[in-house]
Amino acid sequence: MDMQNLIHMANKIGDFFETVPDHEESLLGIVGHIHNFWAPRMRAQLLEYVDSDNGAGIKPLVLEAIHAYRSNLLPRN
């Protein structure tokens, strides 16, 4: 999938969860949404991008969520 589209989608999720008053709940909500609704291939592509390009263009709240709960985005065996 196009990386710019993934960034846009991740940032839209971040926009929604920015309104949640509890910061930790926001982080968990972002990661939970990505885990539940994105295909494993999309999540892997996002993580690779964060690792290789430091997440350029991804909102800080979304990056914080990815870094804090990265293991929740990895495929389960």
N, C-alpha and C. Protein backbone atom coordinates (compact mmCIF):
# COMPACT_ATOMS: atom_id res chain seq x y z
N MET A 1 0.86 -1.18 0.00
CA MET A 1 0.00 0.00 0.00
C MET A 1 0.89 1.24 0.00
N ASP A 2 0.38 2.30 -0.58
CA ASP A 2 1.12 3.55 -0.65
C ASP A 2 1.37 4.10 0.75
N MET A 3 2.64 4.41 1.04
CA MET A 3 3.01 4.87 2.37
C MET A 3 2.32 6.17 2.74
N GLN A 4 2.16 7.07 1.80
CA GLN A 4 1.49 8.34 2.11
C GLN A 4 0.04 8.11 2.52
N ASN A 5 -0.59 7.10 1.94
CA ASN A 5 -1.96 6.77 2.31
C ASN A 5 -1.99 6.21 3.74
N LEU A 6 -1.04 5.35 4.07
CA LEU A 6 -0.97 4.82 5.44
C LEU A 6 -0.74 5.93 6.46
N ILE A 7 0.15 6.85 6.12
CA ILE A 7 0.42 7.98 7.02
C ILE A 7 -0.86 8.80 7.21
N HIS A 8 -1.55 9.06 6.11
CA HIS A 8 -2.80 9.83 6.19
C HIS A 8 -3.82 9.12 7.09
N MET A 9 -3.97 7.81 6.88
CA MET A 9 -4.93 7.06 7.69
C MET A 9 -4.53 7.05 9.16
N ALA A 10 -3.25 6.84 9.44
CA ALA A 10 -2.78 6.84 10.83
C ALA A 10 -3.03 8.20 11.48
N ASN A 11 -2.77 9.26 10.74
CA ASN A 11 -2.98 10.60 11.29
C ASN A 11 -4.46 10.89 11.53
N LYS A 12 -5.34 10.37 10.68
CA LYS A 12 -6.78 10.54 10.90
C LYS A 12 -7.22 9.82 12.18
N ILE A 13 -6.66 8.64 12.41
CA ILE A 13 -6.94 7.93 13.66
C ILE A 13 -6.45 8.77 14.84
N GLY A 14 -5.27 9.34 14.70
CA GLY A 14 -4.73 10.22 15.73
C GLY A 14 -5.61 11.43 15.98
N ASP A 15 -6.15 12.01 14.91
CA ASP A 15 -7.06 13.16 15.06
C ASP A 15 -8.24 12.80 15.96
N PHE A 16 -8.81 11.63 15.72
CA PHE A 16 -9.95 11.20 16.52
C PHE A 16 -9.56 11.03 17.98
N PHE A 17 -8.46 10.33 18.24
CA PHE A 17 -8.09 10.01 19.61
C PHE A 17 -7.44 11.17 20.35
N GLU A 18 -7.08 12.25 19.65
CA GLU A 18 -6.59 13.46 20.32
C GLU A 18 -7.66 14.06 21.22
N THR A 19 -8.91 13.80 20.92
CA THR A 19 -10.00 14.39 21.69
C THR A 19 -10.29 13.64 22.99
N VAL A 20 -9.69 12.47 23.16
CA VAL A 20 -9.91 11.68 24.38
C VAL A 20 -9.12 12.35 25.51
N PRO A 21 -9.76 12.68 26.62
CA PRO A 21 -9.08 13.40 27.69
C PRO A 21 -7.93 12.61 28.34
N ASP A 22 -8.08 11.31 28.45
CA ASP A 22 -7.05 10.49 29.10
C ASP A 22 -5.98 10.12 28.07
N HIS A 23 -4.76 10.61 28.31
CA HIS A 23 -3.66 10.42 27.36
C HIS A 23 -3.37 8.94 27.10
N GLU A 24 -3.29 8.16 28.15
CA GLU A 24 -2.99 6.73 28.01
C GLU A 24 -4.09 6.03 27.21
N GLU A 25 -5.32 6.41 27.45
CA GLU A 25 -6.45 5.85 26.70
C GLU A 25 -6.34 6.20 25.21
N SER A 26 -5.86 7.41 24.93
CA SER A 26 -5.64 7.82 23.54
C SER A 26 -4.61 6.92 22.87
N LEU A 27 -3.49 6.70 23.54
CA LEU A 27 -2.43 5.86 22.97
C LEU A 27 -2.94 4.45 22.70
N LEU A 28 -3.62 3.89 23.68
CA LEU A 28 -4.16 2.54 23.52
C LEU A 28 -5.22 2.49 22.43
N GLY A 29 -6.01 3.54 22.33
CA GLY A 29 -7.04 3.59 21.30
C GLY A 29 -6.45 3.61 19.89
N ILE A 30 -5.40 4.39 19.72
CA ILE A 30 -4.74 4.47 18.40
C ILE A 30 -4.19 3.10 18.01
N VAL A 31 -3.42 2.51 18.89
CA VAL A 31 -2.82 1.21 18.59
C VAL A 31 -3.89 0.13 18.44
N GLY A 32 -4.90 0.18 19.28
CA GLY A 32 -5.98 -0.79 19.19
C GLY A 32 -6.71 -0.71 17.86
N HIS A 33 -6.96 0.51 17.41
CA HIS A 33 -7.65 0.68 16.13
C HIS A 33 -6.80 0.15 14.99
N ILE A 34 -5.53 0.51 14.98
CA ILE A 34 -4.64 0.03 13.92
C ILE A 34 -4.55 -1.49 13.95
N HIS A 35 -4.42 -2.06 15.13
CA HIS A 35 -4.34 -3.52 15.23
C HIS A 35 -5.61 -4.20 14.75
N ASN A 36 -6.76 -3.68 15.14
CA ASN A 36 -8.03 -4.32 14.82
C ASN A 36 -8.48 -4.15 13.37
N PHE A 37 -8.10 -3.05 12.75
CA PHE A 37 -8.67 -2.73 11.44
C PHE A 37 -7.68 -2.71 10.29
N TRP A 38 -6.39 -2.80 10.57
CA TRP A 38 -5.40 -2.83 9.51
C TRP A 38 -4.90 -4.26 9.34
N ALA A 39 -4.66 -4.62 8.12
CA ALA A 39 -4.09 -5.94 7.81
C ALA A 39 -2.66 -6.02 8.36
N PRO A 40 -2.21 -7.22 8.73
CA PRO A 40 -0.84 -7.37 9.24
C PRO A 40 0.21 -6.76 8.30
N ARG A 41 0.01 -6.88 7.01
CA ARG A 41 0.95 -6.32 6.04
C ARG A 41 1.02 -4.79 6.16
N MET A 42 -0.11 -4.15 6.38
CA MET A 42 -0.15 -2.70 6.54
C MET A 42 0.56 -2.28 7.82
N ARG A 43 0.31 -3.02 8.91
CA ARG A 43 0.98 -2.71 10.18
C ARG A 43 2.48 -2.88 10.05
N ALA A 44 2.92 -3.93 9.37
CA ALA A 44 4.35 -4.17 9.19
C ALA A 44 4.98 -3.04 8.37
N GLN A 45 4.28 -2.59 7.35
CA GLN A 45 4.78 -1.49 6.52
C GLN A 45 4.91 -0.21 7.35
N LEU A 46 3.94 0.05 8.18
CA LEU A 46 3.99 1.23 9.05
C LEU A 46 5.18 1.16 10.00
N LEU A 47 5.37 0.01 10.63
CA LEU A 47 6.49 -0.15 11.56
C LEU A 47 7.83 -0.01 10.84
N GLU A 48 7.95 -0.57 9.65
CA GLU A 48 9.19 -0.42 8.87
C GLU A 48 9.46 1.05 8.57
N TYR A 49 8.42 1.78 8.23
CA TYR A 49 8.57 3.19 7.93
C TYR A 49 9.01 3.97 9.16
N VAL A 50 8.42 3.68 10.28
CA VAL A 50 8.80 4.35 11.53
C VAL A 50 10.27 4.06 11.84
N ASP A 51 10.69 2.83 11.61
CA ASP A 51 12.09 2.46 11.87
C ASP A 51 13.06 3.10 10.89
N SER A 52 12.69 3.16 9.62
CA SER A 52 13.63 3.64 8.60
C SER A 52 13.63 5.15 8.44
N ASP A 53 12.48 5.78 8.58
CA ASP A 53 12.38 7.22 8.34
C ASP A 53 11.95 8.01 9.58
N ASN A 54 12.05 7.39 10.72
CA ASN A 54 11.68 8.03 11.98
C ASN A 54 10.24 8.54 11.98
N GLY A 55 9.41 7.97 11.12
CA GLY A 55 8.00 8.33 11.12
C GLY A 55 7.72 9.73 10.60
N ALA A 56 8.54 10.21 9.67
CA ALA A 56 8.33 11.55 9.12
C ALA A 56 6.91 11.69 8.60
N GLY A 57 6.23 12.75 9.04
CA GLY A 57 4.88 13.03 8.59
C GLY A 57 3.79 12.45 9.47
N ILE A 58 4.18 11.58 10.39
CA ILE A 58 3.20 10.98 11.30
C ILE A 58 3.08 11.88 12.53
N LYS A 59 1.85 12.14 12.93
CA LYS A 59 1.61 13.01 14.09
C LYS A 59 2.32 12.49 15.34
N PRO A 60 2.81 13.39 16.18
CA PRO A 60 3.52 12.98 17.39
C PRO A 60 2.74 12.02 18.29
N LEU A 61 1.44 12.24 18.45
CA LEU A 61 0.64 11.36 19.30
C LEU A 61 0.61 9.93 18.73
N VAL A 62 0.51 9.81 17.42
CA VAL A 62 0.49 8.50 16.78
C VAL A 62 1.85 7.82 16.94
N LEU A 63 2.92 8.58 16.73
CA LEU A 63 4.27 8.02 16.93
C LEU A 63 4.48 7.57 18.36
N GLU A 64 4.01 8.36 19.30
CA GLU A 64 4.14 7.99 20.71
C GLU A 64 3.41 6.67 20.98
N ALA A 65 2.22 6.54 20.42
CA ALA A 65 1.45 5.31 20.60
C ALA A 65 2.18 4.12 20.00
N ILE A 66 2.72 4.30 18.80
CA ILE A 66 3.45 3.21 18.13
C ILE A 66 4.66 2.80 18.95
N HIS A 67 5.41 3.77 19.44
CA HIS A 67 6.60 3.45 20.23
C HIS A 67 6.23 2.80 21.57
N ALA A 68 5.18 3.29 22.19
CA ALA A 68 4.80 2.78 23.51
C ALA A 68 4.20 1.38 23.45
N TYR A 69 3.48 1.09 22.39
CA TYR A 69 2.75 -0.18 22.30
C TYR A 69 3.06 -0.94 21.02
N ARG A 70 4.29 -0.83 20.56
CA ARG A 70 4.73 -1.48 19.33
C ARG A 70 4.39 -2.97 19.32
N SER A 71 4.60 -3.64 20.44
CA SER A 71 4.38 -5.10 20.48
C SER A 71 2.92 -5.45 20.16
N ASN A 72 2.00 -4.53 20.40
CA ASN A 72 0.57 -4.78 20.10
C ASN A 72 0.32 -4.77 18.58
N LEU A 73 1.25 -4.22 17.82
CA LEU A 73 1.07 -4.13 16.37
C LEU A 73 1.75 -5.28 15.63
N LEU A 74 2.58 -6.04 16.32
CA LEU A 74 3.29 -7.14 15.67
C LEU A 74 2.34 -8.30 15.45
N PRO A 75 2.57 -9.06 14.36
CA PRO A 75 1.73 -10.24 14.14
C PRO A 75 1.88 -11.24 15.26
N ARG A 76 0.80 -11.88 15.58
CA ARG A 76 0.81 -12.91 16.63
C ARG A 76 1.00 -14.27 15.98
N ASN A 77 1.83 -15.09 16.60
CA ASN A 77 2.06 -16.45 16.07
C ASN A 77 1.22 -17.46 16.78
